[in-house]
Amino acid sequence: MHLGKVGKKYMPKESKKIKSVTSATAALKILWKEGFLKAWKKYAPIVDRLAKDHYHFSDPELGMALGRAKYLTRRGKRGGYEYIQKYPYIKEEE
């Protein structure tokens, strides 16, 4: 953190604002944008990748988000699902 002098006090300078992720759905969307889901991934590697970015969601919450994601498809049996993106992320024009 950089400190900038404000009057006689030192105050932290504002750096880039990081958009906080508060749901498993939003965190999965980030993985999709990064292309993490271009190949088949089991549940455990997805959890590990999210943990690397300091996202720790409960198993039911993450499972529901994976099941509801319209841009993902899954294969396998209960307890052994694998997930892959249906189509690549395309940046929307602003």
PDB file of N, CA and C in Angstrom:
ATOM      1  N   MET A   1       0.855  -1.174   0.000  1.00  0.00           N
ATOM      2  CA  MET A   1       0.000   0.000   0.000  1.00  0.00           C
ATOM      3  C   MET A   1       0.892   1.226   0.000  1.00  0.00           C
ATOM      4  N   HIS A   2       0.550   2.195  -0.831  1.00  0.00           N
ATOM      5  CA  HIS A   2       1.308   3.425  -0.906  1.00  0.00           C
ATOM      6  C   HIS A   2       0.684   4.452   0.020  1.00  0.00           C
ATOM      7  N   LEU A   3       1.541   5.244   0.620  1.00  0.00           N
ATOM      8  CA  LEU A   3       1.033   6.298   1.486  1.00  0.00           C
ATOM      9  C   LEU A   3       1.256   7.645   0.806  1.00  0.00           C
ATOM     10  N   GLY A   4       0.270   8.463   0.828  1.00  0.00           N
ATOM     11  CA  GLY A   4       0.376   9.800   0.273  1.00  0.00           C
ATOM     12  C   GLY A   4       0.206  10.819   1.394  1.00  0.00           C
ATOM     13  N   LYS A   5       0.931  11.916   1.292  1.00  0.00           N
ATOM     14  CA  LYS A   5       0.859  12.923   2.337  1.00  0.00           C
ATOM     15  C   LYS A   5      -0.367  13.799   2.125  1.00  0.00           C
ATOM     16  N   VAL A   6      -1.197  13.861   3.142  1.00  0.00           N
ATOM     17  CA  VAL A   6      -2.386  14.699   3.120  1.00  0.00           C
ATOM     18  C   VAL A   6      -2.273  15.600   4.338  1.00  0.00           C
ATOM     19  N   GLY A   7      -1.952  16.861   4.086  1.00  0.00           N
ATOM     20  CA  GLY A   7      -1.721  17.755   5.219  1.00  0.00           C
ATOM     21  C   GLY A   7      -0.524  17.261   6.008  1.00  0.00           C
ATOM     22  N   LYS A   8      -0.686  17.073   7.309  1.00  0.00           N
ATOM     23  CA  LYS A   8       0.396  16.571   8.155  1.00  0.00           C
ATOM     24  C   LYS A   8       0.251  15.086   8.431  1.00  0.00           C
ATOM     25  N   LYS A   9      -0.799  14.479   7.890  1.00  0.00           N
ATOM     26  CA  LYS A   9      -1.042  13.066   8.122  1.00  0.00           C
ATOM     27  C   LYS A   9      -0.766  12.273   6.854  1.00  0.00           C
ATOM     28  N   TYR A  10      -0.398  11.029   7.043  1.00  0.00           N
ATOM     29  CA  TYR A  10      -0.219  10.133   5.906  1.00  0.00           C
ATOM     30  C   TYR A  10      -1.449   9.257   5.781  1.00  0.00           C
ATOM     31  N   MET A  11      -2.040   9.267   4.617  1.00  0.00           N
ATOM     32  CA  MET A  11      -3.246   8.498   4.358  1.00  0.00           C
ATOM     33  C   MET A  11      -2.950   7.504   3.235  1.00  0.00           C
ATOM     34  N   PRO A  12      -3.557   6.340   3.294  1.00  0.00           N
ATOM     35  CA  PRO A  12      -3.343   5.383   2.204  1.00  0.00           C
ATOM     36  C   PRO A  12      -3.943   5.891   0.908  1.00  0.00           C
ATOM     37  N   LYS A  13      -3.174   5.738  -0.195  1.00  0.00           N
ATOM     38  CA  LYS A  13      -3.688   6.106  -1.505  1.00  0.00           C
ATOM     39  C   LYS A  13      -4.617   5.012  -1.980  1.00  0.00           C
ATOM     40  N   GLU A  14      -5.624   5.413  -2.703  1.00  0.00           N
ATOM     41  CA  GLU A  14      -6.532   4.419  -3.265  1.00  0.00           C
ATOM     42  C   GLU A  14      -5.889   3.830  -4.500  1.00  0.00           C
ATOM     43  N   SER A  15      -5.803   2.511  -4.540  1.00  0.00           N
ATOM     44  CA  SER A  15      -5.300   1.840  -5.724  1.00  0.00           C
ATOM     45  C   SER A  15      -6.490   1.338  -6.520  1.00  0.00           C
ATOM     46  N   LYS A  16      -6.231   0.473  -7.491  1.00  0.00           N
ATOM     47  CA  LYS A  16      -7.320  -0.060  -8.303  1.00  0.00           C
ATOM     48  C   LYS A  16      -8.382  -0.687  -7.411  1.00  0.00           C
ATOM     49  N   LYS A  17      -9.611  -0.381  -7.695  1.00  0.00           N
ATOM     50  CA  LYS A  17     -10.695  -0.978  -6.927  1.00  0.00           C
ATOM     51  C   LYS A  17     -10.953  -2.377  -7.468  1.00  0.00           C
ATOM     52  N   ILE A  18     -10.944  -3.359  -6.599  1.00  0.00           N
ATOM     53  CA  ILE A  18     -11.173  -4.733  -6.980  1.00  0.00           C
ATOM     54  C   ILE A  18     -12.636  -5.052  -6.732  1.00  0.00           C
ATOM     55  N   LYS A  19     -13.281  -5.566  -7.762  1.00  0.00           N
ATOM     56  CA  LYS A  19     -14.686  -5.936  -7.626  1.00  0.00           C
ATOM     57  C   LYS A  19     -14.757  -7.189  -6.762  1.00  0.00           C
ATOM     58  N   SER A  20     -15.476  -7.112  -5.674  1.00  0.00           N
ATOM     59  CA  SER A  20     -15.569  -8.265  -4.787  1.00  0.00           C
ATOM     60  C   SER A  20     -16.597  -9.254  -5.316  1.00  0.00           C
ATOM     61  N   VAL A  21     -16.278 -10.524  -5.132  1.00  0.00           N
ATOM     62  CA  VAL A  21     -17.156 -11.601  -5.550  1.00  0.00           C
ATOM     63  C   VAL A  21     -17.815 -12.148  -4.299  1.00  0.00           C
ATOM     64  N   THR A  22     -19.142 -12.156  -4.288  1.00  0.00           N
ATOM     65  CA  THR A  22     -19.852 -12.587  -3.090  1.00  0.00           C
ATOM     66  C   THR A  22     -20.652 -13.863  -3.303  1.00  0.00           C
ATOM     67  N   SER A  23     -20.573 -14.436  -4.503  1.00  0.00           N
ATOM     68  CA  SER A  23     -21.324 -15.665  -4.744  1.00  0.00           C
ATOM     69  C   SER A  23     -20.504 -16.628  -5.591  1.00  0.00           C
ATOM     70  N   ALA A  24     -20.840 -17.886  -5.469  1.00  0.00           N
ATOM     71  CA  ALA A  24     -20.165 -18.912  -6.256  1.00  0.00           C
ATOM     72  C   ALA A  24     -20.455 -18.712  -7.740  1.00  0.00           C
ATOM     73  N   THR A  25     -21.629 -18.235  -8.065  1.00  0.00           N
ATOM     74  CA  THR A  25     -22.002 -17.987  -9.453  1.00  0.00           C
ATOM     75  C   THR A  25     -21.074 -16.964 -10.089  1.00  0.00           C
ATOM     76  N   ALA A  26     -20.811 -15.881  -9.376  1.00  0.00           N
ATOM     77  CA  ALA A  26     -19.918 -14.840  -9.891  1.00  0.00           C
ATOM     78  C   ALA A  26     -18.484 -15.354 -10.008  1.00  0.00           C
ATOM     79  N   ALA A  27     -18.037 -16.162  -9.059  1.00  0.00           N
ATOM     80  CA  ALA A  27     -16.695 -16.719  -9.110  1.00  0.00           C
ATOM     81  C   ALA A  27     -16.539 -17.667 -10.297  1.00  0.00           C
ATOM     82  N   LEU A  28     -17.559 -18.472 -10.584  1.00  0.00           N
ATOM     83  CA  LEU A  28     -17.515 -19.365 -11.746  1.00  0.00           C
ATOM     84  C   LEU A  28     -17.468 -18.576 -13.042  1.00  0.00           C
ATOM     85  N   LYS A  29     -18.165 -17.456 -13.074  1.00  0.00           N
ATOM     86  CA  LYS A  29     -18.154 -16.624 -14.270  1.00  0.00           C
ATOM     87  C   LYS A  29     -16.747 -16.093 -14.538  1.00  0.00           C
ATOM     88  N   ILE A  30     -16.005 -15.792 -13.480  1.00  0.00           N
ATOM     89  CA  ILE A  30     -14.620 -15.347 -13.629  1.00  0.00           C
ATOM     90  C   ILE A  30     -13.771 -16.466 -14.222  1.00  0.00           C
ATOM     91  N   LEU A  31     -13.944 -17.695 -13.729  1.00  0.00           N
ATOM     92  CA  LEU A  31     -13.196 -18.836 -14.278  1.00  0.00           C
ATOM     93  C   LEU A  31     -13.534 -19.044 -15.749  1.00  0.00           C
ATOM     94  N   TRP A  32     -14.798 -18.861 -16.103  1.00  0.00           N
ATOM     95  CA  TRP A  32     -15.224 -18.999 -17.488  1.00  0.00           C
ATOM     96  C   TRP A  32     -14.556 -17.937 -18.356  1.00  0.00           C
ATOM     97  N   LYS A  33     -14.523 -16.684 -17.869  1.00  0.00           N
ATOM     98  CA  LYS A  33     -13.887 -15.595 -18.614  1.00  0.00           C
ATOM     99  C   LYS A  33     -12.402 -15.856 -18.824  1.00  0.00           C
ATOM    100  N   GLU A  34     -11.737 -16.452 -17.824  1.00  0.00           N
ATOM    101  CA  GLU A  34     -10.301 -16.750 -17.904  1.00  0.00           C
ATOM    102  C   GLU A  34     -10.007 -17.950 -18.795  1.00  0.00           C
ATOM    103  N   GLY A  35     -11.024 -18.718 -19.162  1.00  0.00           N
ATOM    104  CA  GLY A  35     -10.818 -19.890 -19.995  1.00  0.00           C
ATOM    105  C   GLY A  35     -10.419 -21.136 -19.216  1.00  0.00           C
ATOM    106  N   PHE A  36     -10.609 -21.122 -17.909  1.00  0.00           N
ATOM    107  CA  PHE A  36     -10.253 -22.262 -17.069  1.00  0.00           C
ATOM    108  C   PHE A  36     -11.080 -23.496 -17.406  1.00  0.00           C
ATOM    109  N   LEU A  37     -12.272 -23.293 -17.869  1.00  0.00           N
ATOM    110  CA  LEU A  37     -13.192 -24.408 -18.123  1.00  0.00           C
ATOM    111  C   LEU A  37     -13.232 -24.825 -19.593  1.00  0.00           C
ATOM    112  N   LYS A  38     -12.135 -24.587 -20.351  1.00  0.00           N
ATOM    113  CA  LYS A  38     -12.068 -24.997 -21.749  1.00  0.00           C
ATOM    114  C   LYS A  38     -11.940 -26.501 -21.894  1.00  0.00           C
ATOM    115  N   ALA A  39     -11.403 -27.166 -20.891  1.00  0.00           N
ATOM    116  CA  ALA A  39     -11.261 -28.621 -20.893  1.00  0.00           C
ATOM    117  C   ALA A  39     -12.089 -29.182 -19.741  1.00  0.00           C
ATOM    118  N   TRP A  40     -12.407 -30.466 -19.811  1.00  0.00           N
ATOM    119  CA  TRP A  40     -13.198 -31.101 -18.754  1.00  0.00           C
ATOM    120  C   TRP A  40     -12.477 -30.977 -17.417  1.00  0.00           C
ATOM    121  N   LYS A  41     -13.192 -30.525 -16.397  1.00  0.00           N
ATOM    122  CA  LYS A  41     -12.644 -30.384 -15.036  1.00  0.00           C
ATOM    123  C   LYS A  41     -13.568 -31.073 -14.052  1.00  0.00           C
ATOM    124  N   LYS A  42     -12.979 -31.808 -13.143  1.00  0.00           N
ATOM    125  CA  LYS A  42     -13.752 -32.411 -12.057  1.00  0.00           C
ATOM    126  C   LYS A  42     -13.985 -31.348 -10.991  1.00  0.00           C
ATOM    127  N   TYR A  43     -14.779 -31.693 -10.014  1.00  0.00           N
ATOM    128  CA  TYR A  43     -15.154 -30.754  -8.943  1.00  0.00           C
ATOM    129  C   TYR A  43     -13.928 -30.279  -8.149  1.00  0.00           C
ATOM    130  N   ALA A  44     -13.046 -31.216  -7.781  1.00  0.00           N
ATOM    131  CA  ALA A  44     -11.900 -30.880  -6.919  1.00  0.00           C
ATOM    132  C   ALA A  44     -10.969 -29.836  -7.545  1.00  0.00           C
ATOM    133  N   PRO A  45     -10.585 -29.944  -8.819  1.00  0.00           N
ATOM    134  CA  PRO A  45      -9.739 -28.891  -9.397  1.00  0.00           C
ATOM    135  C   PRO A  45     -10.412 -27.517  -9.442  1.00  0.00           C
ATOM    136  N   ILE A  46     -11.735 -27.509  -9.589  1.00  0.00           N
ATOM    137  CA  ILE A  46     -12.451 -26.234  -9.580  1.00  0.00           C
ATOM    138  C   ILE A  46     -12.380 -25.613  -8.185  1.00  0.00           C
ATOM    139  N   VAL A  47     -12.578 -26.437  -7.158  1.00  0.00           N
ATOM    140  CA  VAL A  47     -12.479 -25.959  -5.774  1.00  0.00           C
ATOM    141  C   VAL A  47     -11.066 -25.456  -5.493  1.00  0.00           C
ATOM    142  N   ASP A  48     -10.055 -26.197  -5.948  1.00  0.00           N
ATOM    143  CA  ASP A  48      -8.662 -25.789  -5.730  1.00  0.00           C
ATOM    144  C   ASP A  48      -8.350 -24.468  -6.414  1.00  0.00           C
ATOM    145  N   ARG A  49      -8.857 -24.290  -7.627  1.00  0.00           N
ATOM    146  CA  ARG A  49      -8.601 -23.044  -8.362  1.00  0.00           C
ATOM    147  C   ARG A  49      -9.277 -21.869  -7.662  1.00  0.00           C
ATOM    148  N   LEU A  50     -10.480 -22.063  -7.178  1.00  0.00           N
ATOM    149  CA  LEU A  50     -11.165 -20.995  -6.454  1.00  0.00           C
ATOM    150  C   LEU A  50     -10.442 -20.682  -5.144  1.00  0.00           C
ATOM    151  N   ALA A  51      -9.950 -21.712  -4.462  1.00  0.00           N
ATOM    152  CA  ALA A  51      -9.224 -21.506  -3.204  1.00  0.00           C
ATOM    153  C   ALA A  51      -7.932 -20.739  -3.449  1.00  0.00           C
ATOM    154  N   LYS A  52      -7.306 -20.969  -4.581  1.00  0.00           N
ATOM    155  CA  LYS A  52      -6.080 -20.243  -4.934  1.00  0.00           C
ATOM    156  C   LYS A  52      -6.343 -18.739  -5.004  1.00  0.00           C
ATOM    157  N   ASP A  53      -7.546 -18.393  -5.456  1.00  0.00           N
ATOM    158  CA  ASP A  53      -7.951 -16.984  -5.531  1.00  0.00           C
ATOM    159  C   ASP A  53      -8.655 -16.516  -4.262  1.00  0.00           C
ATOM    160  N   HIS A  54      -8.589 -17.331  -3.203  1.00  0.00           N
ATOM    161  CA  HIS A  54      -9.150 -17.015  -1.888  1.00  0.00           C
ATOM    162  C   HIS A  54     -10.675 -16.982  -1.870  1.00  0.00           C
ATOM    163  N   TYR A  55     -11.308 -17.828  -2.702  1.00  0.00           N
ATOM    164  CA  TYR A  55     -12.749 -17.991  -2.669  1.00  0.00           C
ATOM    165  C   TYR A  55     -13.036 -19.349  -2.055  1.00  0.00           C
ATOM    166  N   HIS A  56     -13.768 -19.370  -0.970  1.00  0.00           N
ATOM    167  CA  HIS A  56     -14.076 -20.610  -0.255  1.00  0.00           C
ATOM    168  C   HIS A  56     -15.590 -20.690  -0.059  1.00  0.00           C
ATOM    169  N   PHE A  57     -16.246 -21.398  -0.974  1.00  0.00           N
ATOM    170  CA  PHE A  57     -17.689 -21.557  -0.913  1.00  0.00           C
ATOM    171  C   PHE A  57     -18.025 -22.930  -0.369  1.00  0.00           C
ATOM    172  N   SER A  58     -19.188 -23.059   0.231  1.00  0.00           N
ATOM    173  CA  SER A  58     -19.611 -24.360   0.738  1.00  0.00           C
ATOM    174  C   SER A  58     -19.874 -25.287  -0.450  1.00  0.00           C
ATOM    175  N   ASP A  59     -19.776 -26.594  -0.195  1.00  0.00           N
ATOM    176  CA  ASP A  59     -20.011 -27.577  -1.254  1.00  0.00           C
ATOM    177  C   ASP A  59     -21.401 -27.448  -1.869  1.00  0.00           C
ATOM    178  N   PRO A  60     -22.460 -27.314  -1.067  1.00  0.00           N
ATOM    179  CA  PRO A  60     -23.788 -27.165  -1.681  1.00  0.00           C
ATOM    180  C   PRO A  60     -23.920 -25.901  -2.537  1.00  0.00           C
ATOM    181  N   GLU A  61     -23.334 -24.807  -2.075  1.00  0.00           N
ATOM    182  CA  GLU A  61     -23.432 -23.551  -2.825  1.00  0.00           C
ATOM    183  C   GLU A  61     -22.715 -23.662  -4.164  1.00  0.00           C
ATOM    184  N   LEU A  62     -21.509 -24.215  -4.160  1.00  0.00           N
ATOM    185  CA  LEU A  62     -20.755 -24.363  -5.398  1.00  0.00           C
ATOM    186  C   LEU A  62     -21.416 -25.386  -6.322  1.00  0.00           C
ATOM    187  N   GLY A  63     -21.924 -26.468  -5.765  1.00  0.00           N
ATOM    188  CA  GLY A  63     -22.604 -27.476  -6.567  1.00  0.00           C
ATOM    189  C   GLY A  63     -23.834 -26.920  -7.262  1.00  0.00           C
ATOM    190  N   MET A  64     -24.597 -26.107  -6.565  1.00  0.00           N
ATOM    191  CA  MET A  64     -25.786 -25.485  -7.154  1.00  0.00           C
ATOM    192  C   MET A  64     -25.385 -24.508  -8.264  1.00  0.00           C
ATOM    193  N   ALA A  65     -24.323 -23.746  -8.032  1.00  0.00           N
ATOM    194  CA  ALA A  65     -23.868 -22.788  -9.045  1.00  0.00           C
ATOM    195  C   ALA A  65     -23.390 -23.522 -10.295  1.00  0.00           C
ATOM    196  N   LEU A  66     -22.673 -24.631 -10.119  1.00  0.00           N
ATOM    197  CA  LEU A  66     -22.213 -25.412 -11.264  1.00  0.00           C
ATOM    198  C   LEU A  66     -23.395 -25.996 -12.034  1.00  0.00           C
ATOM    199  N   GLY A  67     -24.390 -26.460 -11.334  1.00  0.00           N
ATOM    200  CA  GLY A  67     -25.557 -27.039 -11.977  1.00  0.00           C
ATOM    201  C   GLY A  67     -26.426 -26.029 -12.692  1.00  0.00           C
ATOM    202  N   ARG A  68     -26.443 -24.810 -12.205  1.00  0.00           N
ATOM    203  CA  ARG A  68     -27.311 -23.773 -12.779  1.00  0.00           C
ATOM    204  C   ARG A  68     -26.643 -22.961 -13.882  1.00  0.00           C
ATOM    205  N   ALA A  69     -25.318 -23.043 -14.008  1.00  0.00           N
ATOM    206  CA  ALA A  69     -24.601 -22.229 -14.989  1.00  0.00           C
ATOM    207  C   ALA A  69     -25.015 -22.635 -16.401  1.00  0.00           C
ATOM    208  N   LYS A  70     -25.638 -21.727 -17.124  1.00  0.00           N
ATOM    209  CA  LYS A  70     -26.133 -21.992 -18.478  1.00  0.00           C
ATOM    210  C   LYS A  70     -24.988 -22.201 -19.473  1.00  0.00           C
ATOM    211  N   TYR A  71     -23.821 -21.683 -19.181  1.00  0.00           N
ATOM    212  CA  TYR A  71     -22.678 -21.763 -20.085  1.00  0.00           C
ATOM    213  C   TYR A  71     -21.810 -23.003 -19.843  1.00  0.00           C
ATOM    214  N   LEU A  72     -22.228 -23.874 -18.906  1.00  0.00           N
ATOM    215  CA  LEU A  72     -21.491 -25.110 -18.618  1.00  0.00           C
ATOM    216  C   LEU A  72     -22.353 -26.324 -18.933  1.00  0.00           C
ATOM    217  N   THR A  73     -21.689 -27.403 -19.241  1.00  0.00           N
ATOM    218  CA  THR A  73     -22.363 -28.682 -19.370  1.00  0.00           C
ATOM    219  C   THR A  73     -21.606 -29.678 -18.505  1.00  0.00           C
ATOM    220  N   ARG A  74     -22.279 -30.727 -18.081  1.00  0.00           N
ATOM    221  CA  ARG A  74     -21.625 -31.697 -17.214  1.00  0.00           C
ATOM    222  C   ARG A  74     -21.879 -33.114 -17.711  1.00  0.00           C
ATOM    223  N   ARG A  75     -20.978 -34.011 -17.321  1.00  0.00           N
ATOM    224  CA  ARG A  75     -21.135 -35.423 -17.647  1.00  0.00           C
ATOM    225  C   ARG A  75     -20.716 -36.233 -16.432  1.00  0.00           C
ATOM    226  N   GLY A  76     -21.126 -37.467 -16.402  1.00  0.00           N
ATOM    227  CA  GLY A  76     -20.769 -38.350 -15.302  1.00  0.00           C
ATOM    228  C   GLY A  76     -21.950 -38.650 -14.414  1.00  0.00           C
ATOM    229  N   LYS A  77     -21.634 -39.323 -13.314  1.00  0.00           N
ATOM    230  CA  LYS A  77     -22.653 -39.682 -12.335  1.00  0.00           C
ATOM    231  C   LYS A  77     -22.488 -38.846 -11.082  1.00  0.00           C
ATOM    232  N   ARG A  78     -23.519 -38.863 -10.252  1.00  0.00           N
ATOM    233  CA  ARG A  78     -23.495 -38.084  -9.016  1.00  0.00           C
ATOM    234  C   ARG A  78     -22.227 -38.394  -8.226  1.00  0.00           C
ATOM    235  N   GLY A  79     -21.551 -37.358  -7.786  1.00  0.00           N
ATOM    236  CA  GLY A  79     -20.313 -37.519  -7.030  1.00  0.00           C
ATOM    237  C   GLY A  79     -19.087 -37.589  -7.915  1.00  0.00           C
ATOM    238  N   GLY A  80     -19.275 -37.655  -9.229  1.00  0.00           N
ATOM    239  CA  GLY A  80     -18.147 -37.742 -10.148  1.00  0.00           C
ATOM    240  C   GLY A  80     -18.357 -36.914 -11.401  1.00  0.00           C
ATOM    241  N   TYR A  81     -19.092 -35.823 -11.289  1.00  0.00           N
ATOM    242  CA  TYR A  81     -19.358 -34.973 -12.443  1.00  0.00           C
ATOM    243  C   TYR A  81     -18.086 -34.285 -12.919  1.00  0.00           C
ATOM    244  N   GLU A  82     -18.052 -34.033 -14.232  1.00  0.00           N
ATOM    245  CA  GLU A  82     -17.022 -33.209 -14.849  1.00  0.00           C
ATOM    246  C   GLU A  82     -17.739 -32.081 -15.581  1.00  0.00           C
ATOM    247  N   TYR A  83     -17.108 -30.918 -15.638  1.00  0.00           N
ATOM    248  CA  TYR A  83     -17.730 -29.731 -16.218  1.00  0.00           C
ATOM    249  C   TYR A  83     -16.852 -29.152 -17.313  1.00  0.00           C
ATOM    250  N   ILE A  84     -17.501 -28.597 -18.331  1.00  0.00           N
ATOM    251  CA  ILE A  84     -16.802 -27.916 -19.419  1.00  0.00           C
ATOM    252  C   ILE A  84     -17.707 -26.802 -19.930  1.00  0.00           C
ATOM    253  N   GLN A  85     -17.099 -25.767 -20.502  1.00  0.00           N
ATOM    254  CA  GLN A  85     -17.908 -24.675 -21.033  1.00  0.00           C
ATOM    255  C   GLN A  85     -18.563 -25.094 -22.351  1.00  0.00           C
ATOM    256  N   LYS A  86     -19.770 -24.617 -22.580  1.00  0.00           N
ATOM    257  CA  LYS A  86     -20.480 -24.912 -23.829  1.00  0.00           C
ATOM    258  C   LYS A  86     -19.943 -24.064 -24.965  1.00  0.00           C
ATOM    259  N   TYR A  87     -19.578 -22.841 -24.649  1.00  0.00           N
ATOM    260  CA  TYR A  87     -19.074 -21.907 -25.647  1.00  0.00           C
ATOM    261  C   TYR A  87     -18.125 -20.944 -24.950  1.00  0.00           C
ATOM    262  N   PRO A  88     -17.184 -20.349 -25.686  1.00  0.00           N
ATOM    263  CA  PRO A  88     -16.229 -19.429 -25.062  1.00  0.00           C
ATOM    264  C   PRO A  88     -16.893 -18.125 -24.632  1.00  0.00           C
ATOM    265  N   TYR A  89     -16.285 -17.492 -23.666  1.00  0.00           N
ATOM    266  CA  TYR A  89     -16.780 -16.197 -23.193  1.00  0.00           C
ATOM    267  C   TYR A  89     -16.469 -15.152 -24.252  1.00  0.00           C
ATOM    268  N   ILE A  90     -17.445 -14.328 -24.589  1.00  0.00           N
ATOM    269  CA  ILE A  90     -17.259 -13.235 -25.528  1.00  0.00           C
ATOM    270  C   ILE A  90     -17.512 -11.942 -24.787  1.00  0.00           C
ATOM    271  N   LYS A  91     -16.512 -11.086 -24.786  1.00  0.00           N
ATOM    272  CA  LYS A  91     -16.616  -9.820 -24.065  1.00  0.00           C
ATOM    273  C   LYS A  91     -17.728  -8.968 -24.671  1.00  0.00           C
ATOM    274  N   GLU A  92     -18.615  -8.499 -23.820  1.00  0.00           N
ATOM    275  CA  GLU A  92     -19.721  -7.665 -24.260  1.00  0.00           C
ATOM    276  C   GLU A  92     -19.221  -6.248 -24.501  1.00  0.00           C
ATOM    277  N   GLU A  93     -19.753  -5.634 -25.525  1.00  0.00           N
ATOM    278  CA  GLU A  93     -19.395  -4.245 -25.792  1.00  0.00           C
ATOM    279  C   GLU A  93     -20.133  -3.351 -24.808  1.00  0.00           C
ATOM    280  N   GLU A  94     -19.401  -2.370 -24.304  1.00  0.00           N
ATOM    281  CA  GLU A  94     -19.986  -1.480 -23.287  1.00  0.00           C
ATOM    282  C   GLU A  94     -20.521  -0.220 -23.898  1.00  0.00           C
TER     283      GLU A  94
END
